């Protein structure tokens, strides 16, 4: 998700090299992904609360977010340690 926004500010084909239409398309994709993620969470929250206490659901969401951030950091580190993609 953030990759779309990072692409606008990254080296290489940055925002100055993208057409306005490409930027608009990327932003629309970003909003769609965020919306989908939000609706999935919204759909499953009541289901989780039926079987788990609210504090356990909060811990689960926090753990999921921490896991996602850790995976993104690992991918970033791998990309920077091997920029040519060998």
Foldseek 3Di string as FASTA:
>chain_A
DCVLVVQQVDPDCHVVNDDPVSNVVSVVVVVVVVVVVVVVCVVCVVVCVVPDPPVVVVVVVVVVVVVVVVVVVVVVVVCVVPVVVD
